[in-house]
PDB file of N, CA and C in Angstrom:
ATOM      1  N   MET A   1       8.922 -11.149 -11.871  1.00  0.00           N
ATOM      2  CA  MET A   1       9.126  -9.724 -11.815  1.00  0.00           C
ATOM      3  C   MET A   1      10.328  -9.368 -12.675  1.00  0.00           C
ATOM      4  N   SER A   2      10.197  -8.298 -13.409  1.00  0.00           N
ATOM      5  CA  SER A   2      11.308  -7.893 -14.267  1.00  0.00           C
ATOM      6  C   SER A   2      12.394  -7.210 -13.435  1.00  0.00           C
ATOM      7  N   SER A   3      13.602  -7.254 -13.943  1.00  0.00           N
ATOM      8  CA  SER A   3      14.715  -6.630 -13.234  1.00  0.00           C
ATOM      9  C   SER A   3      14.554  -5.110 -13.168  1.00  0.00           C
ATOM     10  N   GLN A   4      13.793  -4.545 -14.094  1.00  0.00           N
ATOM     11  CA  GLN A   4      13.544  -3.108 -14.070  1.00  0.00           C
ATOM     12  C   GLN A   4      12.622  -2.731 -12.918  1.00  0.00           C
ATOM     13  N   SER A   5      11.783  -3.656 -12.462  1.00  0.00           N
ATOM     14  CA  SER A   5      10.842  -3.375 -11.389  1.00  0.00           C
ATOM     15  C   SER A   5      11.535  -3.204 -10.044  1.00  0.00           C
ATOM     16  N   VAL A   6      12.631  -3.907  -9.824  1.00  0.00           N
ATOM     17  CA  VAL A   6      13.300  -3.858  -8.525  1.00  0.00           C
ATOM     18  C   VAL A   6      13.762  -2.441  -8.187  1.00  0.00           C
ATOM     19  N   PRO A   7      14.421  -1.716  -9.089  1.00  0.00           N
ATOM     20  CA  PRO A   7      14.799  -0.337  -8.750  1.00  0.00           C
ATOM     21  C   PRO A   7      13.585   0.560  -8.460  1.00  0.00           C
ATOM     22  N   GLU A   8      12.491   0.339  -9.177  1.00  0.00           N
ATOM     23  CA  GLU A   8      11.280   1.122  -8.937  1.00  0.00           C
ATOM     24  C   GLU A   8      10.704   0.809  -7.562  1.00  0.00           C
ATOM     25  N   LEU A   9      10.708  -0.468  -7.199  1.00  0.00           N
ATOM     26  CA  LEU A   9      10.225  -0.857  -5.873  1.00  0.00           C
ATOM     27  C   LEU A   9      11.143  -0.310  -4.786  1.00  0.00           C
ATOM     28  N   ARG A  10      12.441  -0.297  -5.028  1.00  0.00           N
ATOM     29  CA  ARG A  10      13.385   0.253  -4.046  1.00  0.00           C
ATOM     30  C   ARG A  10      13.107   1.728  -3.830  1.00  0.00           C
ATOM     31  N   LYS A  11      12.849   2.447  -4.910  1.00  0.00           N
ATOM     32  CA  LYS A  11      12.561   3.877  -4.800  1.00  0.00           C
ATOM     33  C   LYS A  11      11.297   4.101  -3.965  1.00  0.00           C
ATOM     34  N   LEU A  12      10.252   3.353  -4.240  1.00  0.00           N
ATOM     35  CA  LEU A  12       9.014   3.477  -3.475  1.00  0.00           C
ATOM     36  C   LEU A  12       9.240   3.099  -2.017  1.00  0.00           C
ATOM     37  N   PHE A  13       9.955   2.003  -1.779  1.00  0.00           N
ATOM     38  CA  PHE A  13      10.248   1.564  -0.423  1.00  0.00           C
ATOM     39  C   PHE A  13      10.986   2.670   0.340  1.00  0.00           C
ATOM     40  N   ASP A  14      11.998   3.240  -0.284  1.00  0.00           N
ATOM     41  CA  ASP A  14      12.790   4.285   0.364  1.00  0.00           C
ATOM     42  C   ASP A  14      11.967   5.541   0.652  1.00  0.00           C
ATOM     43  N   GLU A  15      10.987   5.841  -0.200  1.00  0.00           N
ATOM     44  CA  GLU A  15      10.110   6.982   0.040  1.00  0.00           C
ATOM     45  C   GLU A  15       9.236   6.742   1.273  1.00  0.00           C
ATOM     46  N   ILE A  16       8.781   5.520   1.450  1.00  0.00           N
ATOM     47  CA  ILE A  16       7.931   5.192   2.596  1.00  0.00           C
ATOM     48  C   ILE A  16       8.768   5.085   3.868  1.00  0.00           C
ATOM     49  N   ASP A  17       9.966   4.527   3.771  1.00  0.00           N
ATOM     50  CA  ASP A  17      10.869   4.338   4.911  1.00  0.00           C
ATOM     51  C   ASP A  17      11.537   5.668   5.262  1.00  0.00           C
ATOM     52  N   GLN A  18      10.797   6.549   5.896  1.00  0.00           N
ATOM     53  CA  GLN A  18      11.287   7.892   6.177  1.00  0.00           C
ATOM     54  C   GLN A  18      12.433   7.918   7.179  1.00  0.00           C
ATOM     55  N   SER A  19      12.519   6.923   8.044  1.00  0.00           N
ATOM     56  CA  SER A  19      13.604   6.901   9.027  1.00  0.00           C
ATOM     57  C   SER A  19      14.910   6.422   8.408  1.00  0.00           C
ATOM     58  N   GLY A  20      14.803   5.738   7.260  1.00  0.00           N
ATOM     59  CA  GLY A  20      15.998   5.234   6.595  1.00  0.00           C
ATOM     60  C   GLY A  20      16.625   4.036   7.273  1.00  0.00           C
ATOM     61  N   ASP A  21      15.853   3.344   8.125  1.00  0.00           N
ATOM     62  CA  ASP A  21      16.413   2.197   8.849  1.00  0.00           C
ATOM     63  C   ASP A  21      16.306   0.878   8.091  1.00  0.00           C
ATOM     64  N   GLY A  22      15.740   0.933   6.879  1.00  0.00           N
ATOM     65  CA  GLY A  22      15.630  -0.285   6.073  1.00  0.00           C
ATOM     66  C   GLY A  22      14.367  -1.079   6.318  1.00  0.00           C
ATOM     67  N   TYR A  23      13.430  -0.492   7.064  1.00  0.00           N
ATOM     68  CA  TYR A  23      12.164  -1.149   7.360  1.00  0.00           C
ATOM     69  C   TYR A  23      11.037  -0.126   7.259  1.00  0.00           C
ATOM     70  N   ILE A  24       9.859  -0.600   6.903  1.00  0.00           N
ATOM     71  CA  ILE A  24       8.675   0.249   6.918  1.00  0.00           C
ATOM     72  C   ILE A  24       7.887  -0.102   8.170  1.00  0.00           C
ATOM     73  N   SER A  25       7.726   0.882   9.022  1.00  0.00           N
ATOM     74  CA  SER A  25       6.918   0.684  10.225  1.00  0.00           C
ATOM     75  C   SER A  25       5.459   1.011   9.901  1.00  0.00           C
ATOM     76  N   GLN A  26       4.588   0.645  10.814  1.00  0.00           N
ATOM     77  CA  GLN A  26       3.174   0.963  10.629  1.00  0.00           C
ATOM     78  C   GLN A  26       2.992   2.480  10.561  1.00  0.00           C
ATOM     79  N   ALA A  27       3.679   3.214  11.413  1.00  0.00           N
ATOM     80  CA  ALA A  27       3.561   4.674  11.429  1.00  0.00           C
ATOM     81  C   ALA A  27       4.023   5.292  10.112  1.00  0.00           C
ATOM     82  N   GLU A  28       5.110   4.776   9.555  1.00  0.00           N
ATOM     83  CA  GLU A  28       5.605   5.294   8.274  1.00  0.00           C
ATOM     84  C   GLU A  28       4.609   5.019   7.159  1.00  0.00           C
ATOM     85  N   PHE A  29       4.013   3.841   7.183  1.00  0.00           N
ATOM     86  CA  PHE A  29       3.036   3.505   6.148  1.00  0.00           C
ATOM     87  C   PHE A  29       1.828   4.425   6.251  1.00  0.00           C
ATOM     88  N   VAL A  30       1.352   4.667   7.464  1.00  0.00           N
ATOM     89  CA  VAL A  30       0.186   5.536   7.662  1.00  0.00           C
ATOM     90  C   VAL A  30       0.496   6.971   7.235  1.00  0.00           C
ATOM     91  N   ARG A  31       1.709   7.447   7.516  1.00  0.00           N
ATOM     92  CA  ARG A  31       2.080   8.805   7.077  1.00  0.00           C
ATOM     93  C   ARG A  31       2.056   8.918   5.560  1.00  0.00           C
ATOM     94  N   ARG A  32       2.490   7.866   4.869  1.00  0.00           N
ATOM     95  CA  ARG A  32       2.544   7.905   3.394  1.00  0.00           C
ATOM     96  C   ARG A  32       1.175   7.668   2.768  1.00  0.00           C
ATOM     97  N   PHE A  33       0.360   6.833   3.430  1.00  0.00           N
ATOM     98  CA  PHE A  33      -0.967   6.476   2.913  1.00  0.00           C
ATOM     99  C   PHE A  33      -2.019   6.685   4.003  1.00  0.00           C
ATOM    100  N   PRO A  34      -2.328   7.937   4.343  1.00  0.00           N
ATOM    101  CA  PRO A  34      -3.226   8.212   5.462  1.00  0.00           C
ATOM    102  C   PRO A  34      -4.661   7.733   5.256  1.00  0.00           C
ATOM    103  N   HIS A  35      -5.047   7.468   4.039  1.00  0.00           N
ATOM    104  CA  HIS A  35      -6.406   7.032   3.739  1.00  0.00           C
ATOM    105  C   HIS A  35      -6.635   5.543   4.000  1.00  0.00           C
ATOM    106  N   VAL A  36      -5.593   4.793   4.279  1.00  0.00           N
ATOM    107  CA  VAL A  36      -5.716   3.349   4.488  1.00  0.00           C
ATOM    108  C   VAL A  36      -6.364   3.091   5.848  1.00  0.00           C
ATOM    109  N   THR A  37      -7.376   2.241   5.862  1.00  0.00           N
ATOM    110  CA  THR A  37      -8.073   1.933   7.111  1.00  0.00           C
ATOM    111  C   THR A  37      -7.219   1.042   8.012  1.00  0.00           C
ATOM    112  N   ALA A  38      -7.566   1.022   9.277  1.00  0.00           N
ATOM    113  CA  ALA A  38      -6.846   0.176  10.236  1.00  0.00           C
ATOM    114  C   ALA A  38      -6.973  -1.291   9.848  1.00  0.00           C
ATOM    115  N   GLU A  39      -8.131  -1.682   9.339  1.00  0.00           N
ATOM    116  CA  GLU A  39      -8.341  -3.066   8.925  1.00  0.00           C
ATOM    117  C   GLU A  39      -7.451  -3.436   7.741  1.00  0.00           C
ATOM    118  N   ALA A  40      -7.366  -2.534   6.777  1.00  0.00           N
ATOM    119  CA  ALA A  40      -6.516  -2.787   5.610  1.00  0.00           C
ATOM    120  C   ALA A  40      -5.045  -2.825   6.013  1.00  0.00           C
ATOM    121  N   LEU A  41      -4.666  -1.957   6.933  1.00  0.00           N
ATOM    122  CA  LEU A  41      -3.293  -1.941   7.411  1.00  0.00           C
ATOM    123  C   LEU A  41      -2.945  -3.245   8.136  1.00  0.00           C
ATOM    124  N   ALA A  42      -3.881  -3.741   8.936  1.00  0.00           N
ATOM    125  CA  ALA A  42      -3.658  -5.016   9.636  1.00  0.00           C
ATOM    126  C   ALA A  42      -3.528  -6.155   8.640  1.00  0.00           C
ATOM    127  N   ALA A  43      -4.363  -6.161   7.606  1.00  0.00           N
ATOM    128  CA  ALA A  43      -4.290  -7.206   6.579  1.00  0.00           C
ATOM    129  C   ALA A  43      -2.968  -7.126   5.820  1.00  0.00           C
ATOM    130  N   LEU A  44      -2.529  -5.920   5.531  1.00  0.00           N
ATOM    131  CA  LEU A  44      -1.241  -5.733   4.853  1.00  0.00           C
ATOM    132  C   LEU A  44      -0.114  -6.275   5.721  1.00  0.00           C
ATOM    133  N   GLY A  45      -0.149  -5.944   6.985  1.00  0.00           N
ATOM    134  CA  GLY A  45       0.873  -6.430   7.898  1.00  0.00           C
ATOM    135  C   GLY A  45       0.890  -7.942   7.979  1.00  0.00           C
ATOM    136  N   ASP A  46      -0.294  -8.543   8.046  1.00  0.00           N
ATOM    137  CA  ASP A  46      -0.376 -10.004   8.094  1.00  0.00           C
ATOM    138  C   ASP A  46       0.206 -10.635   6.838  1.00  0.00           C
ATOM    139  N   ALA A  47      -0.049 -10.014   5.693  1.00  0.00           N
ATOM    140  CA  ALA A  47       0.425 -10.563   4.422  1.00  0.00           C
ATOM    141  C   ALA A  47       1.913 -10.317   4.196  1.00  0.00           C
ATOM    142  N   ALA A  48       2.400  -9.170   4.640  1.00  0.00           N
ATOM    143  CA  ALA A  48       3.773  -8.774   4.299  1.00  0.00           C
ATOM    144  C   ALA A  48       4.801  -9.131   5.360  1.00  0.00           C
ATOM    145  N   ASP A  49       4.434  -9.048   6.613  1.00  0.00           N
ATOM    146  CA  ASP A  49       5.403  -9.203   7.704  1.00  0.00           C
ATOM    147  C   ASP A  49       5.666 -10.683   7.969  1.00  0.00           C
ATOM    148  N   VAL A  50       6.446 -11.291   7.106  1.00  0.00           N
ATOM    149  CA  VAL A  50       6.697 -12.732   7.146  1.00  0.00           C
ATOM    150  C   VAL A  50       7.372 -13.154   8.442  1.00  0.00           C
ATOM    151  N   ASP A  51       8.328 -12.366   8.921  1.00  0.00           N
ATOM    152  CA  ASP A  51       9.062 -12.771  10.126  1.00  0.00           C
ATOM    153  C   ASP A  51       8.400 -12.321  11.428  1.00  0.00           C
ATOM    154  N   GLY A  52       7.290 -11.584  11.331  1.00  0.00           N
ATOM    155  CA  GLY A  52       6.515 -11.215  12.506  1.00  0.00           C
ATOM    156  C   GLY A  52       7.164 -10.187  13.421  1.00  0.00           C
ATOM    157  N   ASP A  53       8.093  -9.378  12.888  1.00  0.00           N
ATOM    158  CA  ASP A  53       8.767  -8.404  13.744  1.00  0.00           C
ATOM    159  C   ASP A  53       8.045  -7.052  13.822  1.00  0.00           C
ATOM    160  N   GLY A  54       6.883  -6.941  13.167  1.00  0.00           N
ATOM    161  CA  GLY A  54       6.098  -5.720  13.246  1.00  0.00           C
ATOM    162  C   GLY A  54       6.497  -4.637  12.271  1.00  0.00           C
ATOM    163  N   ARG A  55       7.360  -4.969  11.359  1.00  0.00           N
ATOM    164  CA  ARG A  55       7.787  -4.014  10.338  1.00  0.00           C
ATOM    165  C   ARG A  55       8.059  -4.771   9.047  1.00  0.00           C
ATOM    166  N   ILE A  56       8.120  -4.030   7.943  1.00  0.00           N
ATOM    167  CA  ILE A  56       8.268  -4.651   6.625  1.00  0.00           C
ATOM    168  C   ILE A  56       9.658  -4.338   6.080  1.00  0.00           C
ATOM    169  N   SER A  57      10.433  -5.378   5.817  1.00  0.00           N
ATOM    170  CA  SER A  57      11.748  -5.220   5.198  1.00  0.00           C
ATOM    171  C   SER A  57      11.577  -5.063   3.689  1.00  0.00           C
ATOM    172  N   PHE A  58      12.642  -4.679   3.002  1.00  0.00           N
ATOM    173  CA  PHE A  58      12.566  -4.551   1.556  1.00  0.00           C
ATOM    174  C   PHE A  58      12.226  -5.891   0.909  1.00  0.00           C
ATOM    175  N   GLU A  59      12.813  -6.964   1.397  1.00  0.00           N
ATOM    176  CA  GLU A  59      12.539  -8.284   0.840  1.00  0.00           C
ATOM    177  C   GLU A  59      11.067  -8.652   1.009  1.00  0.00           C
ATOM    178  N   GLU A  60      10.496  -8.344   2.171  1.00  0.00           N
ATOM    179  CA  GLU A  60       9.075  -8.619   2.402  1.00  0.00           C
ATOM    180  C   GLU A  60       8.210  -7.737   1.493  1.00  0.00           C
ATOM    181  N   PHE A  61       8.614  -6.496   1.296  1.00  0.00           N
ATOM    182  CA  PHE A  61       7.909  -5.548   0.444  1.00  0.00           C
ATOM    183  C   PHE A  61       7.877  -6.060  -0.997  1.00  0.00           C
ATOM    184  N   VAL A  62       9.020  -6.516  -1.488  1.00  0.00           N
ATOM    185  CA  VAL A  62       9.092  -7.045  -2.851  1.00  0.00           C
ATOM    186  C   VAL A  62       8.232  -8.292  -2.974  1.00  0.00           C
ATOM    187  N   ARG A  63       8.311  -9.175  -2.011  1.00  0.00           N
ATOM    188  CA  ARG A  63       7.520 -10.411  -2.031  1.00  0.00           C
ATOM    189  C   ARG A  63       6.030 -10.100  -2.069  1.00  0.00           C
ATOM    190  N   LEU A  64       5.618  -9.090  -1.319  1.00  0.00           N
ATOM    191  CA  LEU A  64       4.214  -8.686  -1.273  1.00  0.00           C
ATOM    192  C   LEU A  64       3.737  -8.168  -2.625  1.00  0.00           C
ATOM    193  N   LEU A  65       4.570  -7.397  -3.290  1.00  0.00           N
ATOM    194  CA  LEU A  65       4.161  -6.746  -4.528  1.00  0.00           C
ATOM    195  C   LEU A  65       4.501  -7.519  -5.790  1.00  0.00           C
ATOM    196  N   ALA A  66       5.217  -8.627  -5.637  1.00  0.00           N
ATOM    197  CA  ALA A  66       5.614  -9.428  -6.807  1.00  0.00           C
ATOM    198  C   ALA A  66       4.460 -10.227  -7.352  1.00  0.00           C
TER     199      ALA A  66
END
């Protein structure tokens, strides 16, 4: 991943993380992408939520999209 991509990913992450707590919750993701099916959301969570805490950190987000 190029170093230019990280700021772009941070901007997108921050747009989705509406609470500003540094994590993307399932509810925040659904608000930003309401067309995503429950099955796709579950698959995303399985792929991205490495530590299993039910939310996606910035590091997990970058790893998913890298």
